[in-house]
Amino acid sequence: MVYEFFSLTDTGRLRSNNEDTVGCEPELGLAVLADGMGGYQAGEVASAMATGAVTTALGGWLLAHHQASPREIGLAMRLSVDRANQAVYQASIDNSQFTGMGTTLVMAVFSGTRALVGHVGDSRCYRWREGRLDLLTRDHSLLQEQVDAGMLSPQQAENAPHRNLVTRALGVEEEVTLDVGDHAVLPGDLFLLCSDGLTDMLRHEGLMVCLRHHTMQDSLAQLGRNLIDAANEAGGKDNISVILVRAAGGHKRGLLSRLWGH
């Protein structure tokens, strides 16, 4: 399986600074996206620290453990997030200007025909397959808890206030739990990792509009820009970040795929 990567982040129309950070290591099949929160510039610090720590720790581990199973990779993902969480949490204690900072995070490792997706908070991962858009993550948010409890229908939740109150974030407490899912990948699958600056503006149907005309011959860069442009046209109320990963059959393989023998 060949994987093509593209990432882009945009400040949006209303914010003066960008608290999102994206990181991709295509040769390792690794994608990481973080949406920071906190006081002045603290969100930027939290998201950059988290993305950097996860990419460094997990990237190094993947290179050293090329025969790892999906279960072992999932454990390594959790350990890398634990390390990042400790770094952000300690920085918020040591520096008064960073008190209370934190970040959401969504990440994925792609190799062969598997995609391991992990997340903390309300940054999301979607899979587009043959005209169907599936959400592979479940928000750690007050709104999602209300939907799960039957207090709100999914339709009511679309327009509910306080959409961005997360119940889990990296760097806010001494420990954090990364939810990890293991997903099969088929040729033609397109994965979208994004911050809520995209999904708050486009929602499910808006994403469908942008994705439904996508073909394997289309540029991921153009699709990524189209998504961000659409979110900005809808209001651009927050920072907007996307990572696109497209799977295709072929003989050219990434470093991990070659090492793992896939």
C-alpha atoms as a PDB file:
ATOM      1  CA  MET A   1       0.000   0.000   0.000  1.00  0.00           C
ATOM      2  CA  VAL A   2       1.276   3.456  -0.931  1.00  0.00           C
ATOM      3  CA  TYR A   3       0.369   6.337   1.382  1.00  0.00           C
ATOM      4  CA  GLU A   4       0.333   9.957   0.263  1.00  0.00           C
ATOM      5  CA  PHE A   5       0.349  12.714   2.901  1.00  0.00           C
ATOM      6  CA  PHE A   6      -0.606  16.384   2.915  1.00  0.00           C
ATOM      7  CA  SER A   7      -0.960  18.814   5.831  1.00  0.00           C
ATOM      8  CA  LEU A   8      -1.996  22.444   6.132  1.00  0.00           C
ATOM      9  CA  THR A   9      -2.933  24.817   8.931  1.00  0.00           C
ATOM     10  CA  ASP A  10      -4.608  28.218   8.699  1.00  0.00           C
ATOM     11  CA  THR A  11      -5.239  30.951  11.278  1.00  0.00           C
ATOM     12  CA  GLY A  12      -8.838  31.468  10.130  1.00  0.00           C
ATOM     13  CA  ARG A  13     -10.650  34.760   9.778  1.00  0.00           C
ATOM     14  CA  LEU A  14     -11.173  35.840  13.386  1.00  0.00           C
ATOM     15  CA  ARG A  15      -8.080  34.736  15.305  1.00  0.00           C
ATOM     16  CA  SER A  16      -4.806  36.673  15.326  1.00  0.00           C
ATOM     17  CA  ASN A  17      -2.636  33.679  16.230  1.00  0.00           C
ATOM     18  CA  ASN A  18      -2.642  29.990  15.340  1.00  0.00           C
ATOM     19  CA  GLU A  19      -2.764  27.525  18.234  1.00  0.00           C
ATOM     20  CA  ASP A  20      -2.899  24.465  15.956  1.00  0.00           C
ATOM     21  CA  THR A  21       0.185  22.415  15.063  1.00  0.00           C
ATOM     22  CA  VAL A  22       0.489  19.651  12.472  1.00  0.00           C
ATOM     23  CA  GLY A  23       3.289  17.164  11.970  1.00  0.00           C
ATOM     24  CA  CYS A  24       3.764  14.433   9.362  1.00  0.00           C
ATOM     25  CA  GLU A  25       6.498  11.852   8.873  1.00  0.00           C
ATOM     26  CA  PRO A  26       5.428  10.144   5.610  1.00  0.00           C
ATOM     27  CA  GLU A  27       8.356   7.723   5.593  1.00  0.00           C
ATOM     28  CA  LEU A  28       7.190   6.466   8.982  1.00  0.00           C
ATOM     29  CA  GLY A  29       3.480   6.565   8.124  1.00  0.00           C
ATOM     30  CA  LEU A  30       2.949   8.977  11.041  1.00  0.00           C
ATOM     31  CA  ALA A  31       0.549  11.921  11.271  1.00  0.00           C
ATOM     32  CA  VAL A  32      -0.053  14.125  14.346  1.00  0.00           C
ATOM     33  CA  LEU A  33      -2.346  17.134  14.781  1.00  0.00           C
ATOM     34  CA  ALA A  34      -2.872  19.203  17.951  1.00  0.00           C
ATOM     35  CA  ASP A  35      -5.234  22.070  18.806  1.00  0.00           C
ATOM     36  CA  GLY A  36      -3.908  24.061  21.745  1.00  0.00           C
ATOM     37  CA  MET A  37      -5.767  25.993  24.421  1.00  0.00           C
ATOM     38  CA  GLY A  38      -4.761  28.375  27.188  1.00  0.00           C
ATOM     39  CA  GLY A  39      -3.769  31.980  27.809  1.00  0.00           C
ATOM     40  CA  TYR A  40      -1.817  34.278  25.536  1.00  0.00           C
ATOM     41  CA  GLN A  41       0.338  32.078  23.260  1.00  0.00           C
ATOM     42  CA  ALA A  42       0.049  29.182  25.727  1.00  0.00           C
ATOM     43  CA  GLY A  43      -2.061  27.165  23.303  1.00  0.00           C
ATOM     44  CA  GLU A  44       0.600  27.513  20.638  1.00  0.00           C
ATOM     45  CA  VAL A  45       3.214  26.265  23.090  1.00  0.00           C
ATOM     46  CA  ALA A  46       1.105  23.300  24.207  1.00  0.00           C
ATOM     47  CA  SER A  47       0.248  22.102  20.705  1.00  0.00           C
ATOM     48  CA  ALA A  48       3.812  22.508  19.438  1.00  0.00           C
ATOM     49  CA  MET A  49       5.241  20.688  22.472  1.00  0.00           C
ATOM     50  CA  ALA A  50       2.761  17.835  22.153  1.00  0.00           C
ATOM     51  CA  THR A  51       3.243  17.362  18.420  1.00  0.00           C
ATOM     52  CA  GLY A  52       7.014  17.524  18.715  1.00  0.00           C
ATOM     53  CA  ALA A  53       7.199  15.157  21.672  1.00  0.00           C
ATOM     54  CA  VAL A  54       4.903  12.564  20.101  1.00  0.00           C
ATOM     55  CA  THR A  55       6.624  12.717  16.713  1.00  0.00           C
ATOM     56  CA  THR A  56      10.088  12.364  18.250  1.00  0.00           C
ATOM     57  CA  ALA A  57       9.252   9.606  20.726  1.00  0.00           C
ATOM     58  CA  LEU A  58       6.964   7.534  18.523  1.00  0.00           C
ATOM     59  CA  GLY A  59       9.001   8.076  15.371  1.00  0.00           C
ATOM     60  CA  GLY A  60      12.127   6.802  17.078  1.00  0.00           C
ATOM     61  CA  TRP A  61      10.260   3.832  18.495  1.00  0.00           C
ATOM     62  CA  LEU A  62       8.781   2.888  15.112  1.00  0.00           C
ATOM     63  CA  LEU A  63      12.229   2.890  13.521  1.00  0.00           C
ATOM     64  CA  ALA A  64      13.600   0.644  16.256  1.00  0.00           C
ATOM     65  CA  HIS A  65      10.663  -1.800  16.316  1.00  0.00           C
ATOM     66  CA  HIS A  66       9.915  -2.575  12.697  1.00  0.00           C
ATOM     67  CA  GLN A  67       8.443  -5.994  13.533  1.00  0.00           C
ATOM     68  CA  ALA A  68       5.928  -4.582  16.004  1.00  0.00           C
ATOM     69  CA  SER A  69       2.333  -5.781  16.047  1.00  0.00           C
ATOM     70  CA  PRO A  70      -0.649  -3.392  15.949  1.00  0.00           C
ATOM     71  CA  ARG A  71      -1.148  -4.000  19.669  1.00  0.00           C
ATOM     72  CA  GLU A  72       2.457  -3.012  20.378  1.00  0.00           C
ATOM     73  CA  ILE A  73       2.163   0.070  18.169  1.00  0.00           C
ATOM     74  CA  GLY A  74      -0.971   1.110  20.040  1.00  0.00           C
ATOM     75  CA  LEU A  75       0.904   0.790  23.319  1.00  0.00           C
ATOM     76  CA  ALA A  76       3.793   2.857  21.932  1.00  0.00           C
ATOM     77  CA  MET A  77       1.312   5.531  20.832  1.00  0.00           C
ATOM     78  CA  ARG A  78      -0.058   5.706  24.374  1.00  0.00           C
ATOM     79  CA  LEU A  79       3.415   5.883  25.894  1.00  0.00           C
ATOM     80  CA  SER A  80       4.433   8.708  23.539  1.00  0.00           C
ATOM     81  CA  VAL A  81       1.318  10.655  24.526  1.00  0.00           C
ATOM     82  CA  ASP A  82       2.062  10.005  28.210  1.00  0.00           C
ATOM     83  CA  ARG A  83       5.505  11.531  27.688  1.00  0.00           C
ATOM     84  CA  ALA A  84       4.069  14.515  25.841  1.00  0.00           C
ATOM     85  CA  ASN A  85       1.420  15.004  28.524  1.00  0.00           C
ATOM     86  CA  GLN A  86       4.040  15.086  31.263  1.00  0.00           C
ATOM     87  CA  ALA A  87       6.117  17.640  29.330  1.00  0.00           C
ATOM     88  CA  VAL A  88       3.191  20.006  28.731  1.00  0.00           C
ATOM     89  CA  TYR A  89       1.850  19.597  32.259  1.00  0.00           C
ATOM     90  CA  GLN A  90       5.251  20.312  33.823  1.00  0.00           C
ATOM     91  CA  ALA A  91       5.773  23.361  31.600  1.00  0.00           C
ATOM     92  CA  SER A  92       2.417  24.753  32.751  1.00  0.00           C
ATOM     93  CA  ILE A  93       3.536  24.384  36.367  1.00  0.00           C
ATOM     94  CA  ASP A  94       7.030  25.824  35.853  1.00  0.00           C
ATOM     95  CA  ASN A  95       5.927  28.874  33.834  1.00  0.00           C
ATOM     96  CA  SER A  96       3.161  31.100  35.193  1.00  0.00           C
ATOM     97  CA  GLN A  97       2.282  32.446  31.724  1.00  0.00           C
ATOM     98  CA  PHE A  98       1.452  28.887  30.654  1.00  0.00           C
ATOM     99  CA  THR A  99      -0.737  27.978  33.635  1.00  0.00           C
ATOM    100  CA  GLY A 100      -3.726  25.923  32.549  1.00  0.00           C
ATOM    101  CA  MET A 101      -2.534  25.322  28.998  1.00  0.00           C
ATOM    102  CA  GLY A 102      -3.371  22.103  27.227  1.00  0.00           C
ATOM    103  CA  THR A 103      -4.134  20.670  23.830  1.00  0.00           C
ATOM    104  CA  THR A 104      -6.324  18.198  22.017  1.00  0.00           C
ATOM    105  CA  LEU A 105      -4.546  15.693  19.808  1.00  0.00           C
ATOM    106  CA  VAL A 106      -5.354  13.269  17.004  1.00  0.00           C
ATOM    107  CA  MET A 107      -2.732  10.966  15.522  1.00  0.00           C
ATOM    108  CA  ALA A 108      -2.414   7.983  13.211  1.00  0.00           C
ATOM    109  CA  VAL A 109       0.149   5.393  12.173  1.00  0.00           C
ATOM    110  CA  PHE A 110      -0.297   3.885   8.697  1.00  0.00           C
ATOM    111  CA  SER A 111       1.487   0.766   7.442  1.00  0.00           C
ATOM    112  CA  GLY A 112       0.473  -2.025   5.136  1.00  0.00           C
ATOM    113  CA  THR A 113      -3.275  -2.369   5.330  1.00  0.00           C
ATOM    114  CA  ARG A 114      -3.738  -1.057   8.895  1.00  0.00           C
ATOM    115  CA  ALA A 115      -4.328   2.396  10.347  1.00  0.00           C
ATOM    116  CA  LEU A 116      -4.025   2.921  14.089  1.00  0.00           C
ATOM    117  CA  VAL A 117      -5.826   6.104  15.099  1.00  0.00           C
ATOM    118  CA  GLY A 118      -5.532   7.735  18.526  1.00  0.00           C
ATOM    119  CA  HIS A 119      -7.083  10.868  19.974  1.00  0.00           C
ATOM    120  CA  VAL A 120      -7.548  13.033  23.057  1.00  0.00           C
ATOM    121  CA  GLY A 121     -10.243  15.732  23.051  1.00  0.00           C
ATOM    122  CA  ASP A 122     -12.336  16.797  20.062  1.00  0.00           C
ATOM    123  CA  SER A 123      -9.851  16.800  17.211  1.00  0.00           C
ATOM    124  CA  ARG A 124     -11.103  14.145  14.812  1.00  0.00           C
ATOM    125  CA  CYS A 125     -10.233  11.521  12.238  1.00  0.00           C
ATOM    126  CA  TYR A 126     -12.600  10.637   9.380  1.00  0.00           C
ATOM    127  CA  ARG A 127     -12.359   7.976   6.665  1.00  0.00           C
ATOM    128  CA  TRP A 128     -13.793   8.574   3.199  1.00  0.00           C
ATOM    129  CA  ARG A 129     -14.460   5.285   1.405  1.00  0.00           C
ATOM    130  CA  GLU A 130     -16.460   4.877  -1.800  1.00  0.00           C
ATOM    131  CA  GLY A 131     -18.748   7.841  -1.175  1.00  0.00           C
ATOM    132  CA  ARG A 132     -19.213   7.198   2.559  1.00  0.00           C
ATOM    133  CA  LEU A 133     -17.765   9.410   5.300  1.00  0.00           C
ATOM    134  CA  ASP A 134     -17.227   7.700   8.661  1.00  0.00           C
ATOM    135  CA  LEU A 135     -16.049   9.355  11.872  1.00  0.00           C
ATOM    136  CA  LEU A 136     -13.410   7.077  13.418  1.00  0.00           C
ATOM    137  CA  THR A 137     -13.019   9.022  16.679  1.00  0.00           C
ATOM    138  CA  ARG A 138     -15.503   9.976  19.378  1.00  0.00           C
ATOM    139  CA  ASP A 139     -15.184  13.449  20.887  1.00  0.00           C
ATOM    140  CA  HIS A 140     -14.151  13.776  24.500  1.00  0.00           C
ATOM    141  CA  SER A 141     -16.517  16.680  25.071  1.00  0.00           C
ATOM    142  CA  LEU A 142     -19.424  17.742  27.257  1.00  0.00           C
ATOM    143  CA  LEU A 143     -21.633  17.850  24.177  1.00  0.00           C
ATOM    144  CA  GLN A 144     -20.818  14.247  23.241  1.00  0.00           C
ATOM    145  CA  GLU A 145     -21.541  13.140  26.810  1.00  0.00           C
ATOM    146  CA  GLN A 146     -24.964  14.820  26.571  1.00  0.00           C
ATOM    147  CA  VAL A 147     -25.658  12.989  23.310  1.00  0.00           C
ATOM    148  CA  ASP A 148     -24.519   9.669  24.804  1.00  0.00           C
ATOM    149  CA  ALA A 149     -26.801  10.231  27.814  1.00  0.00           C
ATOM    150  CA  GLY A 150     -29.793  10.912  25.559  1.00  0.00           C
ATOM    151  CA  MET A 151     -30.071  14.531  26.698  1.00  0.00           C
ATOM    152  CA  LEU A 152     -29.565  15.760  23.129  1.00  0.00           C
ATOM    153  CA  SER A 153     -30.151  14.187  19.741  1.00  0.00           C
ATOM    154  CA  PRO A 154     -27.299  14.309  17.197  1.00  0.00           C
ATOM    155  CA  GLN A 155     -29.397  16.824  15.267  1.00  0.00           C
ATOM    156  CA  GLN A 156     -29.838  19.070  18.318  1.00  0.00           C
ATOM    157  CA  ALA A 157     -26.136  18.794  19.033  1.00  0.00           C
ATOM    158  CA  GLU A 158     -25.338  20.298  15.635  1.00  0.00           C
ATOM    159  CA  ASN A 159     -26.498  23.730  16.853  1.00  0.00           C
ATOM    160  CA  ALA A 160     -25.954  23.419  20.585  1.00  0.00           C
ATOM    161  CA  PRO A 161     -23.896  26.060  22.434  1.00  0.00           C
ATOM    162  CA  HIS A 162     -20.641  25.256  24.226  1.00  0.00           C
ATOM    163  CA  ARG A 163     -19.589  22.829  21.491  1.00  0.00           C
ATOM    164  CA  ASN A 164     -15.927  23.228  22.375  1.00  0.00           C
ATOM    165  CA  LEU A 165     -15.950  22.270  26.066  1.00  0.00           C
ATOM    166  CA  VAL A 166     -13.676  19.243  26.109  1.00  0.00           C
ATOM    167  CA  THR A 167     -13.680  16.707  28.929  1.00  0.00           C
ATOM    168  CA  ARG A 168     -10.209  15.367  28.172  1.00  0.00           C
ATOM    169  CA  ALA A 169      -7.077  17.199  27.023  1.00  0.00           C
ATOM    170  CA  LEU A 170      -3.346  16.616  26.989  1.00  0.00           C
ATOM    171  CA  GLY A 171      -1.278  18.562  29.532  1.00  0.00           C
ATOM    172  CA  VAL A 172      -4.121  19.594  31.841  1.00  0.00           C
ATOM    173  CA  GLU A 173      -3.655  16.823  34.423  1.00  0.00           C
ATOM    174  CA  GLU A 174      -0.777  14.550  35.416  1.00  0.00           C
ATOM    175  CA  GLU A 175      -2.241  11.634  33.471  1.00  0.00           C
ATOM    176  CA  VAL A 176      -4.258  11.366  30.279  1.00  0.00           C
ATOM    177  CA  THR A 177      -5.779   8.468  28.360  1.00  0.00           C
ATOM    178  CA  LEU A 178      -5.333   8.132  24.595  1.00  0.00           C
ATOM    179  CA  ASP A 179      -8.148   6.226  22.883  1.00  0.00           C
ATOM    180  CA  VAL A 180      -6.746   4.056  20.066  1.00  0.00           C
ATOM    181  CA  GLY A 181      -8.634   2.295  17.270  1.00  0.00           C
ATOM    182  CA  ASP A 182      -7.258  -0.247  14.774  1.00  0.00           C
ATOM    183  CA  HIS A 183      -8.782   0.079  11.286  1.00  0.00           C
ATOM    184  CA  ALA A 184      -8.401  -1.862   8.053  1.00  0.00           C
ATOM    185  CA  VAL A 185      -7.356   0.180   5.027  1.00  0.00           C
ATOM    186  CA  LEU A 186      -8.474  -0.418   1.431  1.00  0.00           C
ATOM    187  CA  PRO A 187      -6.965   1.101  -1.728  1.00  0.00           C
ATOM    188  CA  GLY A 188      -8.670   4.421  -2.367  1.00  0.00           C
ATOM    189  CA  ASP A 189      -9.360   5.180   1.303  1.00  0.00           C
ATOM    190  CA  LEU A 190      -8.861   8.800   2.285  1.00  0.00           C
ATOM    191  CA  PHE A 191      -8.241   9.735   5.920  1.00  0.00           C
ATOM    192  CA  LEU A 192      -8.879  13.248   7.229  1.00  0.00           C
ATOM    193  CA  LEU A 193      -7.387  14.348  10.552  1.00  0.00           C
ATOM    194  CA  CYS A 194      -8.630  17.798  11.570  1.00  0.00           C
ATOM    195  CA  SER A 195      -9.126  20.335  14.325  1.00  0.00           C
ATOM    196  CA  ASP A 196     -12.576  21.546  15.339  1.00  0.00           C
ATOM    197  CA  GLY A 197     -11.964  24.749  13.413  1.00  0.00           C
ATOM    198  CA  LEU A 198     -12.865  22.702  10.336  1.00  0.00           C
ATOM    199  CA  THR A 199     -15.743  20.617  11.684  1.00  0.00           C
ATOM    200  CA  ASP A 200     -17.471  23.452  13.535  1.00  0.00           C
ATOM    201  CA  MET A 201     -17.727  25.336  10.249  1.00  0.00           C
ATOM    202  CA  LEU A 202     -18.529  22.507   7.826  1.00  0.00           C
ATOM    203  CA  ARG A 203     -20.115  19.734   9.914  1.00  0.00           C
ATOM    204  CA  HIS A 204     -20.736  16.351   8.258  1.00  0.00           C
ATOM    205  CA  GLU A 205     -22.645  17.508   5.180  1.00  0.00           C
ATOM    206  CA  GLY A 206     -20.184  20.308   4.506  1.00  0.00           C
ATOM    207  CA  LEU A 207     -17.326  17.817   4.525  1.00  0.00           C
ATOM    208  CA  MET A 208     -19.292  15.563   2.190  1.00  0.00           C
ATOM    209  CA  VAL A 209     -19.691  18.400  -0.301  1.00  0.00           C
ATOM    210  CA  CYS A 210     -15.925  18.910  -0.426  1.00  0.00           C
ATOM    211  CA  LEU A 211     -15.053  15.216  -0.588  1.00  0.00           C
ATOM    212  CA  ARG A 212     -17.648  13.681  -2.858  1.00  0.00           C
ATOM    213  CA  HIS A 213     -15.941  14.774  -6.083  1.00  0.00           C
ATOM    214  CA  HIS A 214     -12.504  13.644  -4.924  1.00  0.00           C
ATOM    215  CA  THR A 215     -10.790  11.068  -7.167  1.00  0.00           C
ATOM    216  CA  MET A 216      -7.485   9.201  -6.915  1.00  0.00           C
ATOM    217  CA  GLN A 217      -6.069  11.483  -9.603  1.00  0.00           C
ATOM    218  CA  ASP A 218      -6.840  14.676  -7.694  1.00  0.00           C
ATOM    219  CA  SER A 219      -4.167  16.555  -5.782  1.00  0.00           C
ATOM    220  CA  LEU A 220      -4.350  16.205  -2.005  1.00  0.00           C
ATOM    221  CA  ALA A 221      -2.942  19.717  -1.757  1.00  0.00           C
ATOM    222  CA  GLN A 222      -5.870  21.118  -3.701  1.00  0.00           C
ATOM    223  CA  LEU A 223      -8.382  19.136  -1.672  1.00  0.00           C
ATOM    224  CA  GLY A 224      -6.799  20.332   1.575  1.00  0.00           C
ATOM    225  CA  ARG A 225      -6.932  23.941   0.453  1.00  0.00           C
ATOM    226  CA  ASN A 226     -10.535  23.508  -0.663  1.00  0.00           C
ATOM    227  CA  LEU A 227     -11.496  22.254   2.802  1.00  0.00           C
ATOM    228  CA  ILE A 228      -9.821  25.179   4.545  1.00  0.00           C
ATOM    229  CA  ASP A 229     -11.244  27.686   2.062  1.00  0.00           C
ATOM    230  CA  ALA A 230     -14.744  26.281   2.641  1.00  0.00           C
ATOM    231  CA  ALA A 231     -14.335  26.577   6.426  1.00  0.00           C
ATOM    232  CA  ASN A 232     -13.182  30.172   6.053  1.00  0.00           C
ATOM    233  CA  GLU A 233     -16.072  30.986   3.737  1.00  0.00           C
ATOM    234  CA  ALA A 234     -18.430  29.558   6.384  1.00  0.00           C
ATOM    235  CA  GLY A 235     -17.024  31.964   8.978  1.00  0.00           C
ATOM    236  CA  GLY A 236     -13.498  30.834   9.828  1.00  0.00           C
ATOM    237  CA  LYS A 237     -14.134  31.404  13.530  1.00  0.00           C
ATOM    238  CA  ASP A 238     -11.183  29.309  14.726  1.00  0.00           C
ATOM    239  CA  ASN A 239      -7.838  28.037  13.534  1.00  0.00           C
ATOM    240  CA  ILE A 240      -8.300  25.379  10.844  1.00  0.00           C
ATOM    241  CA  SER A 241      -5.964  22.415  10.360  1.00  0.00           C
ATOM    242  CA  VAL A 242      -6.114  19.329   8.169  1.00  0.00           C
ATOM    243  CA  ILE A 243      -3.976  16.288   7.481  1.00  0.00           C
ATOM    244  CA  LEU A 244      -4.982  14.154   4.494  1.00  0.00           C
ATOM    245  CA  VAL A 245      -3.655  10.626   4.007  1.00  0.00           C
ATOM    246  CA  ARG A 246      -4.615   8.689   0.886  1.00  0.00           C
ATOM    247  CA  ALA A 247      -4.037   4.963   0.357  1.00  0.00           C
ATOM    248  CA  ALA A 248      -3.429   3.372  -3.018  1.00  0.00           C
ATOM    249  CA  GLY A 249      -2.171   0.035  -4.276  1.00  0.00           C
ATOM    250  CA  GLY A 250       1.331  -0.011  -5.730  1.00  0.00           C
ATOM    251  CA  HIS A 251       4.922  -1.062  -5.266  1.00  0.00           C
ATOM    252  CA  LYS A 252       6.452   2.093  -3.797  1.00  0.00           C
ATOM    253  CA  ARG A 253       6.369   1.779  -0.022  1.00  0.00           C
ATOM    254  CA  GLY A 254       7.242   3.910   2.964  1.00  0.00           C
ATOM    255  CA  LEU A 255      10.150   3.129   5.250  1.00  0.00           C
ATOM    256  CA  LEU A 256       8.077   1.283   7.856  1.00  0.00           C
ATOM    257  CA  SER A 257       6.296  -0.776   5.219  1.00  0.00           C
ATOM    258  CA  ARG A 258       9.645  -1.830   3.779  1.00  0.00           C
ATOM    259  CA  LEU A 259      10.991  -2.671   7.217  1.00  0.00           C
ATOM    260  CA  TRP A 260       7.855  -4.546   8.240  1.00  0.00           C
ATOM    261  CA  GLY A 261       7.783  -6.475   4.980  1.00  0.00           C
ATOM    262  CA  HIS A 262       4.278  -5.361   3.991  1.00  0.00           C
END
